[in-house]
Amino acid sequence: MKKDEALAILREFKKEYAQEYHLLKIGVRNVIAHGYFDVDAEQVFEICQDDIPALIEIVKKMIMDLG
């Protein structure tokens, strides 16, 4: 797949799943990867407990829509 084809698919994905895409890019990875000692363990736990189950459901919906 060429770069422009991949970018076109990503643009379409962003359009179709705008709300879900926003949730998926919450930036937790950046905080954990670059926050070093500033990472709040309780906040990470809350994200794991509250946000990840919702994201799993979103990804399941996306997979079903693609299938």
PDB file of N, CA and C in Angstrom:
ATOM      1  N   MET A   1       0.836  -1.166   0.000  1.00  0.00           N
ATOM      2  CA  MET A   1       0.000   0.000   0.000  1.00  0.00           C
ATOM      3  C   MET A   1       0.891   1.243   0.000  1.00  0.00           C
ATOM      4  N   LYS A   2       0.551   2.195  -0.826  1.00  0.00           N
ATOM      5  CA  LYS A   2       1.314   3.431  -0.905  1.00  0.00           C
ATOM      6  C   LYS A   2       0.909   4.381   0.213  1.00  0.00           C
ATOM      7  N   LYS A   3       1.803   5.304   0.501  1.00  0.00           N
ATOM      8  CA  LYS A   3       1.571   6.259   1.588  1.00  0.00           C
ATOM      9  C   LYS A   3       0.265   7.030   1.394  1.00  0.00           C
ATOM     10  N   ASP A   4       0.009   7.518   0.178  1.00  0.00           N
ATOM     11  CA  ASP A   4      -1.203   8.305  -0.056  1.00  0.00           C
ATOM     12  C   ASP A   4      -2.466   7.469   0.108  1.00  0.00           C
ATOM     13  N   GLU A   5      -2.393   6.191  -0.217  1.00  0.00           N
ATOM     14  CA  GLU A   5      -3.536   5.296  -0.010  1.00  0.00           C
ATOM     15  C   GLU A   5      -3.801   5.102   1.482  1.00  0.00           C
ATOM     16  N   ALA A   6      -2.733   4.908   2.241  1.00  0.00           N
ATOM     17  CA  ALA A   6      -2.875   4.732   3.685  1.00  0.00           C
ATOM     18  C   ALA A   6      -3.448   5.994   4.329  1.00  0.00           C
ATOM     19  N   LEU A   7      -2.982   7.156   3.902  1.00  0.00           N
ATOM     20  CA  LEU A   7      -3.496   8.416   4.445  1.00  0.00           C
ATOM     21  C   LEU A   7      -4.971   8.607   4.094  1.00  0.00           C
ATOM     22  N   ALA A   8      -5.374   8.202   2.907  1.00  0.00           N
ATOM     23  CA  ALA A   8      -6.777   8.300   2.506  1.00  0.00           C
ATOM     24  C   ALA A   8      -7.647   7.411   3.395  1.00  0.00           C
ATOM     25  N   ILE A   9      -7.171   6.218   3.682  1.00  0.00           N
ATOM     26  CA  ILE A   9      -7.911   5.308   4.569  1.00  0.00           C
ATOM     27  C   ILE A   9      -8.018   5.910   5.959  1.00  0.00           C
ATOM     28  N   LEU A  10      -6.930   6.485   6.453  1.00  0.00           N
ATOM     29  CA  LEU A  10      -6.954   7.113   7.776  1.00  0.00           C
ATOM     30  C   LEU A  10      -7.924   8.287   7.809  1.00  0.00           C
ATOM     31  N   ARG A  11      -7.944   9.106   6.765  1.00  0.00           N
ATOM     32  CA  ARG A  11      -8.883  10.231   6.712  1.00  0.00           C
ATOM     33  C   ARG A  11     -10.325   9.733   6.748  1.00  0.00           C
ATOM     34  N   GLU A  12     -10.617   8.682   5.997  1.00  0.00           N
ATOM     35  CA  GLU A  12     -11.968   8.107   5.983  1.00  0.00           C
ATOM     36  C   GLU A  12     -12.320   7.547   7.360  1.00  0.00           C
ATOM     37  N   PHE A  13     -11.375   6.875   7.977  1.00  0.00           N
ATOM     38  CA  PHE A  13     -11.567   6.328   9.320  1.00  0.00           C
ATOM     39  C   PHE A  13     -11.893   7.448  10.308  1.00  0.00           C
ATOM     40  N   LYS A  14     -11.137   8.537  10.239  1.00  0.00           N
ATOM     41  CA  LYS A  14     -11.367   9.669  11.140  1.00  0.00           C
ATOM     42  C   LYS A  14     -12.754  10.258  10.945  1.00  0.00           C
ATOM     43  N   LYS A  15     -13.203  10.317   9.676  1.00  0.00           N
ATOM     44  CA  LYS A  15     -14.537  10.857   9.393  1.00  0.00           C
ATOM     45  C   LYS A  15     -15.633   9.952   9.953  1.00  0.00           C
ATOM     46  N   GLU A  16     -15.492   8.669   9.685  1.00  0.00           N
ATOM     47  CA  GLU A  16     -16.537   7.715  10.061  1.00  0.00           C
ATOM     48  C   GLU A  16     -16.595   7.482  11.567  1.00  0.00           C
ATOM     49  N   TYR A  17     -15.459   7.541  12.215  1.00  0.00           N
ATOM     50  CA  TYR A  17     -15.394   7.266  13.651  1.00  0.00           C
ATOM     51  C   TYR A  17     -14.813   8.465  14.402  1.00  0.00           C
ATOM     52  N   ALA A  18     -15.314   9.654  14.106  1.00  0.00           N
ATOM     53  CA  ALA A  18     -14.746  10.879  14.686  1.00  0.00           C
ATOM     54  C   ALA A  18     -14.728  10.841  16.209  1.00  0.00           C
ATOM     55  N   GLN A  19     -15.846  10.489  16.817  1.00  0.00           N
ATOM     56  CA  GLN A  19     -15.914  10.462  18.285  1.00  0.00           C
ATOM     57  C   GLN A  19     -15.006   9.371  18.847  1.00  0.00           C
ATOM     58  N   GLU A  20     -15.050   8.204  18.242  1.00  0.00           N
ATOM     59  CA  GLU A  20     -14.218   7.110  18.707  1.00  0.00           C
ATOM     60  C   GLU A  20     -12.736   7.416  18.517  1.00  0.00           C
ATOM     61  N   TYR A  21     -12.408   8.034  17.393  1.00  0.00           N
ATOM     62  CA  TYR A  21     -11.012   8.374  17.114  1.00  0.00           C
ATOM     63  C   TYR A  21     -10.487   9.324  18.178  1.00  0.00           C
ATOM     64  N   HIS A  22     -11.309  10.268  18.586  1.00  0.00           N
ATOM     65  CA  HIS A  22     -10.907  11.212  19.637  1.00  0.00           C
ATOM     66  C   HIS A  22     -10.601  10.453  20.928  1.00  0.00           C
ATOM     67  N   LEU A  23     -11.426   9.489  21.278  1.00  0.00           N
ATOM     68  CA  LEU A  23     -11.191   8.719  22.497  1.00  0.00           C
ATOM     69  C   LEU A  23      -9.923   7.875  22.403  1.00  0.00           C
ATOM     70  N   LEU A  24      -9.649   7.362  21.209  1.00  0.00           N
ATOM     71  CA  LEU A  24      -8.483   6.508  21.044  1.00  0.00           C
ATOM     72  C   LEU A  24      -7.166   7.275  21.152  1.00  0.00           C
ATOM     73  N   LYS A  25      -7.197   8.546  20.887  1.00  0.00           N
ATOM     74  CA  LYS A  25      -5.955   9.316  20.922  1.00  0.00           C
ATOM     75  C   LYS A  25      -5.852  10.159  22.191  1.00  0.00           C
ATOM     76  N   ILE A  26      -6.288   9.606  23.298  1.00  0.00           N
ATOM     77  CA  ILE A  26      -6.294  10.360  24.549  1.00  0.00           C
ATOM     78  C   ILE A  26      -4.906  10.694  25.050  1.00  0.00           C
ATOM     79  N   GLY A  27      -3.886  10.094  24.482  1.00  0.00           N
ATOM     80  CA  GLY A  27      -2.530  10.479  24.820  1.00  0.00           C
ATOM     81  C   GLY A  27      -1.964   9.815  26.055  1.00  0.00           C
ATOM     82  N   VAL A  28      -2.609   8.792  26.541  1.00  0.00           N
ATOM     83  CA  VAL A  28      -2.118   8.112  27.738  1.00  0.00           C
ATOM     84  C   VAL A  28      -0.727   7.544  27.495  1.00  0.00           C
ATOM     85  N   ARG A  29      -0.526   7.014  26.315  1.00  0.00           N
ATOM     86  CA  ARG A  29       0.788   6.438  26.004  1.00  0.00           C
ATOM     87  C   ARG A  29       1.884   7.483  26.149  1.00  0.00           C
ATOM     88  N   ASN A  30       1.625   8.689  25.649  1.00  0.00           N
ATOM     89  CA  ASN A  30       2.635   9.742  25.750  1.00  0.00           C
ATOM     90  C   ASN A  30       2.921  10.113  27.199  1.00  0.00           C
ATOM     91  N   VAL A  31       1.893  10.183  28.006  1.00  0.00           N
ATOM     92  CA  VAL A  31       2.091  10.516  29.424  1.00  0.00           C
ATOM     93  C   VAL A  31       2.931   9.442  30.100  1.00  0.00           C
ATOM     94  N   ILE A  32       2.589   8.194  29.859  1.00  0.00           N
ATOM     95  CA  ILE A  32       3.318   7.097  30.497  1.00  0.00           C
ATOM     96  C   ILE A  32       4.739   6.993  29.943  1.00  0.00           C
ATOM     97  N   ALA A  33       4.870   7.124  28.614  1.00  0.00           N
ATOM     98  CA  ALA A  33       6.181   6.957  27.988  1.00  0.00           C
ATOM     99  C   ALA A  33       7.134   8.096  28.301  1.00  0.00           C
ATOM    100  N   HIS A  34       6.607   9.305  28.445  1.00  0.00           N
ATOM    101  CA  HIS A  34       7.482  10.460  28.601  1.00  0.00           C
ATOM    102  C   HIS A  34       7.364  11.153  29.958  1.00  0.00           C
ATOM    103  N   GLY A  35       6.415  10.696  30.777  1.00  0.00           N
ATOM    104  CA  GLY A  35       6.211  11.349  32.057  1.00  0.00           C
ATOM    105  C   GLY A  35       7.186  10.910  33.130  1.00  0.00           C
ATOM    106  N   TYR A  36       7.811   9.757  32.909  1.00  0.00           N
ATOM    107  CA  TYR A  36       8.785   9.220  33.842  1.00  0.00           C
ATOM    108  C   TYR A  36       8.234   9.218  35.271  1.00  0.00           C
ATOM    109  N   PHE A  37       8.757  10.016  36.139  1.00  0.00           N
ATOM    110  CA  PHE A  37       8.362   9.979  37.551  1.00  0.00           C
ATOM    111  C   PHE A  37       7.131  10.840  37.840  1.00  0.00           C
ATOM    112  N   ASP A  38       6.614  11.523  36.823  1.00  0.00           N
ATOM    113  CA  ASP A  38       5.435  12.358  37.017  1.00  0.00           C
ATOM    114  C   ASP A  38       4.136  11.600  36.807  1.00  0.00           C
ATOM    115  N   VAL A  39       4.207  10.316  36.509  1.00  0.00           N
ATOM    116  CA  VAL A  39       3.015   9.516  36.263  1.00  0.00           C
ATOM    117  C   VAL A  39       2.307   9.255  37.586  1.00  0.00           C
ATOM    118  N   ASP A  40       1.013   9.570  37.605  1.00  0.00           N
ATOM    119  CA  ASP A  40       0.188   9.353  38.792  1.00  0.00           C
ATOM    120  C   ASP A  40      -0.395   7.942  38.708  1.00  0.00           C
ATOM    121  N   ALA A  41       0.043   7.056  39.568  1.00  0.00           N
ATOM    122  CA  ALA A  41      -0.381   5.647  39.534  1.00  0.00           C
ATOM    123  C   ALA A  41      -1.894   5.515  39.684  1.00  0.00           C
ATOM    124  N   GLU A  42      -2.496   6.345  40.508  1.00  0.00           N
ATOM    125  CA  GLU A  42      -3.954   6.269  40.677  1.00  0.00           C
ATOM    126  C   GLU A  42      -4.685   6.679  39.403  1.00  0.00           C
ATOM    127  N   GLN A  43      -4.142   7.673  38.702  1.00  0.00           N
ATOM    128  CA  GLN A  43      -4.753   8.098  37.446  1.00  0.00           C
ATOM    129  C   GLN A  43      -4.646   6.992  36.397  1.00  0.00           C
ATOM    130  N   VAL A  44      -3.499   6.338  36.337  1.00  0.00           N
ATOM    131  CA  VAL A  44      -3.329   5.219  35.404  1.00  0.00           C
ATOM    132  C   VAL A  44      -4.311   4.106  35.747  1.00  0.00           C
ATOM    133  N   PHE A  45      -4.476   3.808  37.021  1.00  0.00           N
ATOM    134  CA  PHE A  45      -5.427   2.780  37.443  1.00  0.00           C
ATOM    135  C   PHE A  45      -6.848   3.151  37.021  1.00  0.00           C
ATOM    136  N   GLU A  46      -7.229   4.416  37.217  1.00  0.00           N
ATOM    137  CA  GLU A  46      -8.572   4.861  36.825  1.00  0.00           C
ATOM    138  C   GLU A  46      -8.783   4.729  35.323  1.00  0.00           C
ATOM    139  N   ILE A  47      -7.769   5.068  34.543  1.00  0.00           N
ATOM    140  CA  ILE A  47      -7.870   4.921  33.090  1.00  0.00           C
ATOM    141  C   ILE A  47      -8.076   3.455  32.728  1.00  0.00           C
ATOM    142  N   CYS A  48      -7.302   2.583  33.355  1.00  0.00           N
ATOM    143  CA  CYS A  48      -7.427   1.147  33.085  1.00  0.00           C
ATOM    144  C   CYS A  48      -8.808   0.632  33.481  1.00  0.00           C
ATOM    145  N   GLN A  49      -9.299   1.111  34.589  1.00  0.00           N
ATOM    146  CA  GLN A  49     -10.577   0.635  35.106  1.00  0.00           C
ATOM    147  C   GLN A  49     -11.766   1.228  34.351  1.00  0.00           C
ATOM    148  N   ASP A  50     -11.694   2.510  34.003  1.00  0.00           N
ATOM    149  CA  ASP A  50     -12.856   3.198  33.444  1.00  0.00           C
ATOM    150  C   ASP A  50     -12.831   3.333  31.926  1.00  0.00           C
ATOM    151  N   ASP A  51     -11.688   3.651  31.360  1.00  0.00           N
ATOM    152  CA  ASP A  51     -11.642   3.987  29.941  1.00  0.00           C
ATOM    153  C   ASP A  51     -11.353   2.806  29.031  1.00  0.00           C
ATOM    154  N   ILE A  52     -10.517   1.896  29.462  1.00  0.00           N
ATOM    155  CA  ILE A  52     -10.145   0.773  28.588  1.00  0.00           C
ATOM    156  C   ILE A  52     -11.338  -0.108  28.244  1.00  0.00           C
ATOM    157  N   PRO A  53     -12.225  -0.450  29.184  1.00  0.00           N
ATOM    158  CA  PRO A  53     -13.394  -1.246  28.782  1.00  0.00           C
ATOM    159  C   PRO A  53     -14.245  -0.552  27.711  1.00  0.00           C
ATOM    160  N   ALA A  54     -14.384   0.767  27.805  1.00  0.00           N
ATOM    161  CA  ALA A  54     -15.142   1.502  26.790  1.00  0.00           C
ATOM    162  C   ALA A  54     -14.422   1.451  25.448  1.00  0.00           C
ATOM    163  N   LEU A  55     -13.114   1.581  25.468  1.00  0.00           N
ATOM    164  CA  LEU A  55     -12.343   1.512  24.223  1.00  0.00           C
ATOM    165  C   LEU A  55     -12.422   0.125  23.596  1.00  0.00           C
ATOM    166  N   ILE A  56     -12.455  -0.905  24.411  1.00  0.00           N
ATOM    167  CA  ILE A  56     -12.592  -2.272  23.885  1.00  0.00           C
ATOM    168  C   ILE A  56     -13.904  -2.394  23.116  1.00  0.00           C
ATOM    169  N   GLU A  57     -14.973  -1.844  23.674  1.00  0.00           N
ATOM    170  CA  GLU A  57     -16.273  -1.905  22.997  1.00  0.00           C
ATOM    171  C   GLU A  57     -16.250  -1.124  21.687  1.00  0.00           C
ATOM    172  N   ILE A  58     -15.573   0.010  21.674  1.00  0.00           N
ATOM    173  CA  ILE A  58     -15.453   0.796  20.451  1.00  0.00           C
ATOM    174  C   ILE A  58     -14.701   0.018  19.381  1.00  0.00           C
ATOM    175  N   VAL A  59     -13.599  -0.604  19.762  1.00  0.00           N
ATOM    176  CA  VAL A  59     -12.807  -1.379  18.796  1.00  0.00           C
ATOM    177  C   VAL A  59     -13.607  -2.581  18.290  1.00  0.00           C
ATOM    178  N   LYS A  60     -14.366  -3.237  19.158  1.00  0.00           N
ATOM    179  CA  LYS A  60     -15.219  -4.354  18.725  1.00  0.00           C
ATOM    180  C   LYS A  60     -16.227  -3.883  17.676  1.00  0.00           C
ATOM    181  N   LYS A  61     -16.831  -2.710  17.905  1.00  0.00           N
ATOM    182  CA  LYS A  61     -17.791  -2.152  16.949  1.00  0.00           C
ATOM    183  C   LYS A  61     -17.111  -1.883  15.610  1.00  0.00           C
ATOM    184  N   MET A  62     -15.914  -1.316  15.661  1.00  0.00           N
ATOM    185  CA  MET A  62     -15.190  -1.024  14.430  1.00  0.00           C
ATOM    186  C   MET A  62     -14.887  -2.304  13.652  1.00  0.00           C
ATOM    187  N   ILE A  63     -14.470  -3.347  14.376  1.00  0.00           N
ATOM    188  CA  ILE A  63     -14.160  -4.624  13.732  1.00  0.00           C
ATOM    189  C   ILE A  63     -15.412  -5.207  13.082  1.00  0.00           C
ATOM    190  N   MET A  64     -16.536  -5.117  13.800  1.00  0.00           N
ATOM    191  CA  MET A  64     -17.797  -5.638  13.242  1.00  0.00           C
ATOM    192  C   MET A  64     -18.186  -4.850  11.989  1.00  0.00           C
ATOM    193  N   ASP A  65     -18.002  -3.526  12.028  1.00  0.00           N
ATOM    194  CA  ASP A  65     -18.343  -2.696  10.875  1.00  0.00           C
ATOM    195  C   ASP A  65     -17.472  -3.041   9.666  1.00  0.00           C
ATOM    196  N   LEU A  66     -16.215  -3.398   9.910  1.00  0.00           N
ATOM    197  CA  LEU A  66     -15.295  -3.741   8.820  1.00  0.00           C
ATOM    198  C   LEU A  66     -15.597  -5.120   8.238  1.00  0.00           C
ATOM    199  N   GLY A  67     -16.128  -6.014   9.091  1.00  0.00           N
ATOM    200  CA  GLY A  67     -16.349  -7.392   8.685  1.00  0.00           C
ATOM    201  C   GLY A  67     -17.567  -7.536   7.885  1.00  0.00           C
TER     202      GLY A  67
END
